[in-house]
C-alpha cells in the first residue's frame, strides 16, 4: 500500500502538519499571552488542586489507567 491509500504507519504526517499549522496560527493571532493568563487564573482558583492532580497523572504517563496488565 502507498501513502496515497491513507496509511501513514506508526506516525501521522498529516496529523503533524495539521497540529503544526494550528499551533503557528494560534501564535500568530497573539493568543498565547491570554491562554497563559487564563491557565494561571485556573491554577489559582478553586479547581487548582484538581488541575495539579491531573497534571501529575499526565506526567506519570497513563492518566486514564489504561496500561494495566491483565
PDB file of N, CA and C in Angstrom:
ATOM      1  N   UNK A   1       0.834  -1.188   0.000  1.00  0.00           N
ATOM      2  CA  UNK A   1       0.000   0.000   0.000  1.00  0.00           C
ATOM      3  C   UNK A   1       0.878   1.250   0.000  1.00  0.00           C
ATOM      4  N   UNK A   2       0.422   2.260  -0.648  1.00  0.00           N
ATOM      5  CA  UNK A   2       1.172   3.504  -0.708  1.00  0.00           C
ATOM      6  C   UNK A   2       0.552   4.544   0.217  1.00  0.00           C
ATOM      7  N   UNK A   3       1.256   5.641   0.376  1.00  0.00           N
ATOM      8  CA  UNK A   3       0.729   6.726   1.204  1.00  0.00           C
ATOM      9  C   UNK A   3      -0.566   7.287   0.628  1.00  0.00           C
ATOM     10  N   UNK A   4      -0.771   7.097  -0.665  1.00  0.00           N
ATOM     11  CA  UNK A   4      -2.000   7.571  -1.297  1.00  0.00           C
ATOM     12  C   UNK A   4      -3.222   6.848  -0.746  1.00  0.00           C
ATOM     13  N   UNK A   5      -3.005   5.650  -0.181  1.00  0.00           N
ATOM     14  CA  UNK A   5      -4.102   4.876   0.389  1.00  0.00           C
ATOM     15  C   UNK A   5      -4.512   5.391   1.767  1.00  0.00           C
ATOM     16  N   UNK A   6      -3.806   6.368   2.297  1.00  0.00           N
ATOM     17  CA  UNK A   6      -4.156   6.939   3.586  1.00  0.00           C
ATOM     18  C   UNK A   6      -3.423   6.318   4.756  1.00  0.00           C
ATOM     19  N   UNK A   7      -2.659   5.263   4.521  1.00  0.00           N
ATOM     20  CA  UNK A   7      -1.903   4.658   5.600  1.00  0.00           C
ATOM     21  C   UNK A   7      -0.620   5.447   5.815  1.00  0.00           C
ATOM     22  N   UNK A   8      -0.348   5.757   7.055  1.00  0.00           N
ATOM     23  CA  UNK A   8       0.836   6.549   7.347  1.00  0.00           C
ATOM     24  C   UNK A   8       1.768   5.835   8.306  1.00  0.00           C
ATOM     25  N   UNK A   9       1.500   4.595   8.612  1.00  0.00           N
ATOM     26  CA  UNK A   9       2.366   3.874   9.526  1.00  0.00           C
ATOM     27  C   UNK A   9       2.139   4.312  10.956  1.00  0.00           C
ATOM     28  N   UNK A  10       3.175   4.191  11.750  1.00  0.00           N
ATOM     29  CA  UNK A  10       3.042   4.485  13.177  1.00  0.00           C
ATOM     30  C   UNK A  10       2.860   5.975  13.451  1.00  0.00           C
ATOM     31  N   UNK A  11       3.454   6.820  12.636  1.00  0.00           N
ATOM     32  CA  UNK A  11       3.300   8.261  12.800  1.00  0.00           C
ATOM     33  C   UNK A  11       2.264   8.788  11.825  1.00  0.00           C
ATOM     34  N   UNK A  12       1.808   9.983  12.056  1.00  0.00           N
ATOM     35  CA  UNK A  12       0.820  10.575  11.155  1.00  0.00           C
ATOM     36  C   UNK A  12       1.369  11.905  10.643  1.00  0.00           C
ATOM     37  N   UNK A  13       1.843  11.880   9.412  1.00  0.00           N
ATOM     38  CA  UNK A  13       2.394  13.099   8.831  1.00  0.00           C
ATOM     39  C   UNK A  13       1.321  14.168   8.671  1.00  0.00           C
ATOM     40  N   UNK A  14       0.127  13.763   8.242  1.00  0.00           N
ATOM     41  CA  UNK A  14      -0.935  14.747   8.065  1.00  0.00           C
ATOM     42  C   UNK A  14      -1.367  15.314   9.414  1.00  0.00           C
ATOM     43  N   UNK A  15      -1.401  14.481  10.446  1.00  0.00           N
ATOM     44  CA  UNK A  15      -1.737  14.958  11.786  1.00  0.00           C
ATOM     45  C   UNK A  15      -0.703  15.936  12.308  1.00  0.00           C
ATOM     46  N   UNK A  16       0.554  15.637  12.044  1.00  0.00           N
ATOM     47  CA  UNK A  16       1.638  16.529  12.469  1.00  0.00           C
ATOM     48  C   UNK A  16       1.554  17.859  11.738  1.00  0.00           C
ATOM     49  N   UNK A  17       1.314  17.812  10.431  1.00  0.00           N
ATOM     50  CA  UNK A  17       1.187  19.060   9.663  1.00  0.00           C
ATOM     51  C   UNK A  17       0.020  19.898  10.174  1.00  0.00           C
ATOM     52  N   UNK A  18      -1.098  19.258  10.440  1.00  0.00           N
ATOM     53  CA  UNK A  18      -2.277  19.963  10.943  1.00  0.00           C
ATOM     54  C   UNK A  18      -1.989  20.600  12.304  1.00  0.00           C
ATOM     55  N   UNK A  19      -1.386  19.832  13.206  1.00  0.00           N
ATOM     56  CA  UNK A  19      -1.048  20.354  14.535  1.00  0.00           C
ATOM     57  C   UNK A  19      -0.102  21.548  14.402  1.00  0.00           C
ATOM     58  N   UNK A  20       0.944  21.403  13.601  1.00  0.00           N
ATOM     59  CA  UNK A  20       1.917  22.488  13.441  1.00  0.00           C
ATOM     60  C   UNK A  20       1.266  23.738  12.857  1.00  0.00           C
ATOM     61  N   UNK A  21       0.366  23.566  11.890  1.00  0.00           N
ATOM     62  CA  UNK A  21      -0.313  24.723  11.298  1.00  0.00           C
ATOM     63  C   UNK A  21      -1.202  25.417  12.328  1.00  0.00           C
ATOM     64  N   UNK A  22      -1.989  24.626  13.075  1.00  0.00           N
ATOM     65  CA  UNK A  22      -2.875  25.233  14.069  1.00  0.00           C
ATOM     66  C   UNK A  22      -2.082  25.909  15.182  1.00  0.00           C
ATOM     67  N   UNK A  23      -0.958  25.332  15.563  1.00  0.00           N
ATOM     68  CA  UNK A  23      -0.115  25.940  16.595  1.00  0.00           C
ATOM     69  C   UNK A  23       0.471  27.257  16.103  1.00  0.00           C
ATOM     70  N   UNK A  24       0.968  27.271  14.875  1.00  0.00           N
ATOM     71  CA  UNK A  24       1.522  28.503  14.300  1.00  0.00           C
ATOM     72  C   UNK A  24       0.441  29.578  14.190  1.00  0.00           C
ATOM     73  N   UNK A  25      -0.758  29.195  13.776  1.00  0.00           N
ATOM     74  CA  UNK A  25      -1.859  30.156  13.683  1.00  0.00           C
ATOM     75  C   UNK A  25      -2.208  30.740  15.053  1.00  0.00           C
ATOM     76  N   UNK A  26      -2.236  29.891  16.066  1.00  0.00           N
ATOM     77  CA  UNK A  26      -2.526  30.317  17.438  1.00  0.00           C
ATOM     78  C   UNK A  26      -1.516  31.370  17.892  1.00  0.00           C
ATOM     79  N   UNK A  27      -0.245  31.108  17.599  1.00  0.00           N
ATOM     80  CA  UNK A  27       0.822  32.041  17.985  1.00  0.00           C
ATOM     81  C   UNK A  27       0.701  33.340  17.202  1.00  0.00           C
ATOM     82  N   UNK A  28       0.506  33.247  15.877  1.00  0.00           N
ATOM     83  CA  UNK A  28       0.408  34.441  15.027  1.00  0.00           C
ATOM     84  C   UNK A  28      -0.757  35.333  15.411  1.00  0.00           C
ATOM     85  N   UNK A  29      -1.840  34.732  15.889  1.00  0.00           N
ATOM     86  CA  UNK A  29      -3.016  35.510  16.284  1.00  0.00           C
ATOM     87  C   UNK A  29      -2.857  36.151  17.656  1.00  0.00           C
ATOM     88  N   UNK A  30      -1.723  35.931  18.318  1.00  0.00           N
ATOM     89  CA  UNK A  30      -1.452  36.567  19.601  1.00  0.00           C
ATOM     90  C   UNK A  30      -2.254  36.007  20.757  1.00  0.00           C
ATOM     91  N   UNK A  31      -2.607  34.726  20.696  1.00  0.00           N
ATOM     92  CA  UNK A  31      -3.449  34.136  21.732  1.00  0.00           C
ATOM     93  C   UNK A  31      -2.657  33.514  22.885  1.00  0.00           C
ATOM     94  N   UNK A  32      -1.339  33.481  22.782  1.00  0.00           N
ATOM     95  CA  UNK A  32      -0.531  32.795  23.793  1.00  0.00           C
ATOM     96  C   UNK A  32      -0.619  33.480  25.153  1.00  0.00           C
ATOM     97  N   UNK A  33      -0.446  34.788  25.191  1.00  0.00           N
ATOM     98  CA  UNK A  33      -0.463  35.501  26.475  1.00  0.00           C
ATOM     99  C   UNK A  33      -1.800  35.341  27.195  1.00  0.00           C
ATOM    100  N   UNK A  34      -2.899  35.440  26.464  1.00  0.00           N
ATOM    101  CA  UNK A  34      -4.214  35.276  27.088  1.00  0.00           C
ATOM    102  C   UNK A  34      -4.382  33.855  27.628  1.00  0.00           C
ATOM    103  N   UNK A  35      -3.963  32.873  26.848  1.00  0.00           N
ATOM    104  CA  UNK A  35      -4.083  31.480  27.289  1.00  0.00           C
ATOM    105  C   UNK A  35      -3.240  31.235  28.546  1.00  0.00           C
ATOM    106  N   UNK A  36      -2.061  31.820  28.597  1.00  0.00           N
ATOM    107  CA  UNK A  36      -1.199  31.666  29.771  1.00  0.00           C
ATOM    108  C   UNK A  36      -1.832  32.317  31.000  1.00  0.00           C
ATOM    109  N   UNK A  37      -2.419  33.491  30.823  1.00  0.00           N
ATOM    110  CA  UNK A  37      -3.089  34.170  31.941  1.00  0.00           C
ATOM    111  C   UNK A  37      -4.313  33.388  32.404  1.00  0.00           C
ATOM    112  N   UNK A  38      -5.072  32.842  31.450  1.00  0.00           N
ATOM    113  CA  UNK A  38      -6.233  32.018  31.804  1.00  0.00           C
ATOM    114  C   UNK A  38      -5.814  30.784  32.587  1.00  0.00           C
ATOM    115  N   UNK A  39      -4.718  30.163  32.166  1.00  0.00           N
ATOM    116  CA  UNK A  39      -4.213  28.973  32.863  1.00  0.00           C
ATOM    117  C   UNK A  39      -3.747  29.330  34.271  1.00  0.00           C
ATOM    118  N   UNK A  40      -3.084  30.457  34.409  1.00  0.00           N
ATOM    119  CA  UNK A  40      -2.627  30.886  35.733  1.00  0.00           C
ATOM    120  C   UNK A  40      -3.809  31.135  36.666  1.00  0.00           C
ATOM    121  N   UNK A  41      -4.846  31.795  36.147  1.00  0.00           N
ATOM    122  CA  UNK A  41      -6.043  32.033  36.961  1.00  0.00           C
ATOM    123  C   UNK A  41      -6.696  30.712  37.365  1.00  0.00           C
ATOM    124  N   UNK A  42      -6.732  29.757  36.442  1.00  0.00           N
ATOM    125  CA  UNK A  42      -7.350  28.462  36.741  1.00  0.00           C
ATOM    126  C   UNK A  42      -6.575  27.733  37.835  1.00  0.00           C
ATOM    127  N   UNK A  43      -5.253  27.770  37.774  1.00  0.00           N
ATOM    128  CA  UNK A  43      -4.426  27.094  38.786  1.00  0.00           C
ATOM    129  C   UNK A  43      -4.644  27.728  40.157  1.00  0.00           C
ATOM    130  N   UNK A  44      -4.872  29.029  40.186  1.00  0.00           N
ATOM    131  CA  UNK A  44      -5.053  29.736  41.454  1.00  0.00           C
ATOM    132  C   UNK A  44      -6.509  29.693  41.940  1.00  0.00           C
ATOM    133  N   UNK A  45      -7.408  29.093  41.158  1.00  0.00           N
ATOM    134  CA  UNK A  45      -8.825  29.052  41.517  1.00  0.00           C
ATOM    135  C   UNK A  45      -9.141  27.837  42.390  1.00  0.00           C
ATOM    136  N   UNK A  46     -10.428  27.671  42.647  1.00  0.00           N
ATOM    137  CA  UNK A  46     -10.894  26.530  43.441  1.00  0.00           C
ATOM    138  C   UNK A  46     -10.569  25.189  42.786  1.00  0.00           C
ATOM    139  N   UNK A  47     -10.469  25.176  41.470  1.00  0.00           N
ATOM    140  CA  UNK A  47     -10.173  23.922  40.773  1.00  0.00           C
ATOM    141  C   UNK A  47      -8.672  23.666  40.637  1.00  0.00           C
ATOM    142  N   UNK A  48      -7.855  24.503  41.222  1.00  0.00           N
ATOM    143  CA  UNK A  48      -6.405  24.385  41.105  1.00  0.00           C
ATOM    144  C   UNK A  48      -5.856  23.041  41.547  1.00  0.00           C
ATOM    145  N   UNK A  49      -6.333  22.538  42.684  1.00  0.00           N
ATOM    146  CA  UNK A  49      -5.837  21.246  43.168  1.00  0.00           C
ATOM    147  C   UNK A  49      -6.173  20.123  42.186  1.00  0.00           C
ATOM    148  N   UNK A  50      -7.372  20.168  41.633  1.00  0.00           N
ATOM    149  CA  UNK A  50      -7.785  19.150  40.664  1.00  0.00           C
ATOM    150  C   UNK A  50      -6.924  19.227  39.396  1.00  0.00           C
ATOM    151  N   UNK A  51      -6.633  20.437  38.944  1.00  0.00           N
ATOM    152  CA  UNK A  51      -5.798  20.609  37.757  1.00  0.00           C
ATOM    153  C   UNK A  51      -4.373  20.116  37.999  1.00  0.00           C
ATOM    154  N   UNK A  52      -3.838  20.415  39.176  1.00  0.00           N
ATOM    155  CA  UNK A  52      -2.481  19.957  39.513  1.00  0.00           C
ATOM    156  C   UNK A  52      -2.422  18.437  39.588  1.00  0.00           C
ATOM    157  N   UNK A  53      -3.466  17.832  40.137  1.00  0.00           N
ATOM    158  CA  UNK A  53      -3.534  16.373  40.214  1.00  0.00           C
ATOM    159  C   UNK A  53      -3.580  15.764  38.808  1.00  0.00           C
ATOM    160  N   UNK A  54      -4.365  16.359  37.938  1.00  0.00           N
ATOM    161  CA  UNK A  54      -4.454  15.871  36.561  1.00  0.00           C
ATOM    162  C   UNK A  54      -3.111  16.000  35.852  1.00  0.00           C
ATOM    163  N   UNK A  55      -2.405  17.093  36.121  1.00  0.00           N
ATOM    164  CA  UNK A  55      -1.086  17.285  35.516  1.00  0.00           C
ATOM    165  C   UNK A  55      -0.116  16.200  35.988  1.00  0.00           C
ATOM    166  N   UNK A  56      -0.132  15.908  37.272  1.00  0.00           N
ATOM    167  CA  UNK A  56       0.752  14.865  37.811  1.00  0.00           C
ATOM    168  C   UNK A  56       0.448  13.514  37.172  1.00  0.00           C
ATOM    169  N   UNK A  57      -0.831  13.194  37.011  1.00  0.00           N
ATOM    170  CA  UNK A  57      -1.214  11.930  36.377  1.00  0.00           C
ATOM    171  C   UNK A  57      -0.736  11.894  34.930  1.00  0.00           C
ATOM    172  N   UNK A  58      -0.877  13.013  34.234  1.00  0.00           N
ATOM    173  CA  UNK A  58      -0.430  13.080  32.848  1.00  0.00           C
ATOM    174  C   UNK A  58       1.064  12.901  32.722  1.00  0.00           C
ATOM    175  N   UNK A  59       1.815  13.515  33.617  1.00  0.00           N
ATOM    176  CA  UNK A  59       3.266  13.381  33.589  1.00  0.00           C
ATOM    177  C   UNK A  59       3.704  11.966  33.943  1.00  0.00           C
ATOM    178  N   UNK A  60       2.868  11.256  34.696  1.00  0.00           N
ATOM    179  CA  UNK A  60       3.193   9.880  35.082  1.00  0.00           C
ATOM    180  C   UNK A  60       3.048   8.937  33.892  1.00  0.00           C
ATOM    181  N   UNK A  61       2.349   9.351  32.848  1.00  0.00           N
ATOM    182  CA  UNK A  61       2.305   8.584  31.623  1.00  0.00           C
ATOM    183  C   UNK A  61       1.011   7.885  31.290  1.00  0.00           C
ATOM    184  N   UNK A  62       0.152   7.600  32.233  1.00  0.00           N
ATOM    185  CA  UNK A  62      -1.071   6.862  31.934  1.00  0.00           C
ATOM    186  C   UNK A  62      -2.230   7.462  32.720  1.00  0.00           C
ATOM    187  N   UNK A  63      -2.705   8.645  32.317  1.00  0.00           N
ATOM    188  CA  UNK A  63      -3.696   9.367  33.112  1.00  0.00           C
ATOM    189  C   UNK A  63      -5.036   8.663  33.281  1.00  0.00           C
ATOM    190  N   UNK A  64      -5.373   7.751  32.373  1.00  0.00           N
ATOM    191  CA  UNK A  64      -6.664   7.075  32.475  1.00  0.00           C
ATOM    192  C   UNK A  64      -6.536   5.650  33.021  1.00  0.00           C
ATOM    193  N   UNK A  65      -5.340   5.236  33.389  1.00  0.00           N
ATOM    194  CA  UNK A  65      -5.152   3.908  33.960  1.00  0.00           C
ATOM    195  C   UNK A  65      -5.390   2.787  32.964  1.00  0.00           C
ATOM    196  N   UNK A  66      -5.078   3.022  31.714  1.00  0.00           N
ATOM    197  CA  UNK A  66      -5.382   2.031  30.693  1.00  0.00           C
ATOM    198  C   UNK A  66      -4.211   1.083  30.397  1.00  0.00           C
ATOM    199  N   UNK A  67      -3.051   1.317  30.998  1.00  0.00           N
ATOM    200  CA  UNK A  67      -1.894   0.468  30.729  1.00  0.00           C
ATOM    201  C   UNK A  67      -1.780  -0.703  31.698  1.00  0.00           C
ATOM    202  N   UNK A  68      -2.816  -0.963  32.437  1.00  0.00           N
ATOM    203  CA  UNK A  68      -2.772  -2.053  33.411  1.00  0.00           C
ATOM    204  C   UNK A  68      -2.662  -3.382  32.699  1.00  0.00           C
ATOM    205  N   UNK A  69      -1.750  -4.212  33.176  1.00  0.00           N
ATOM    206  CA  UNK A  69      -1.558  -5.551  32.604  1.00  0.00           C
ATOM    207  C   UNK A  69      -2.630  -6.490  33.149  1.00  0.00           C
ATOM    208  N   UNK A  70      -3.154  -7.297  32.290  1.00  0.00           N
ATOM    209  CA  UNK A  70      -4.207  -8.250  32.704  1.00  0.00           C
ATOM    210  C   UNK A  70      -3.608  -9.581  33.041  1.00  0.00           C
TER     211      UNK A  70
END
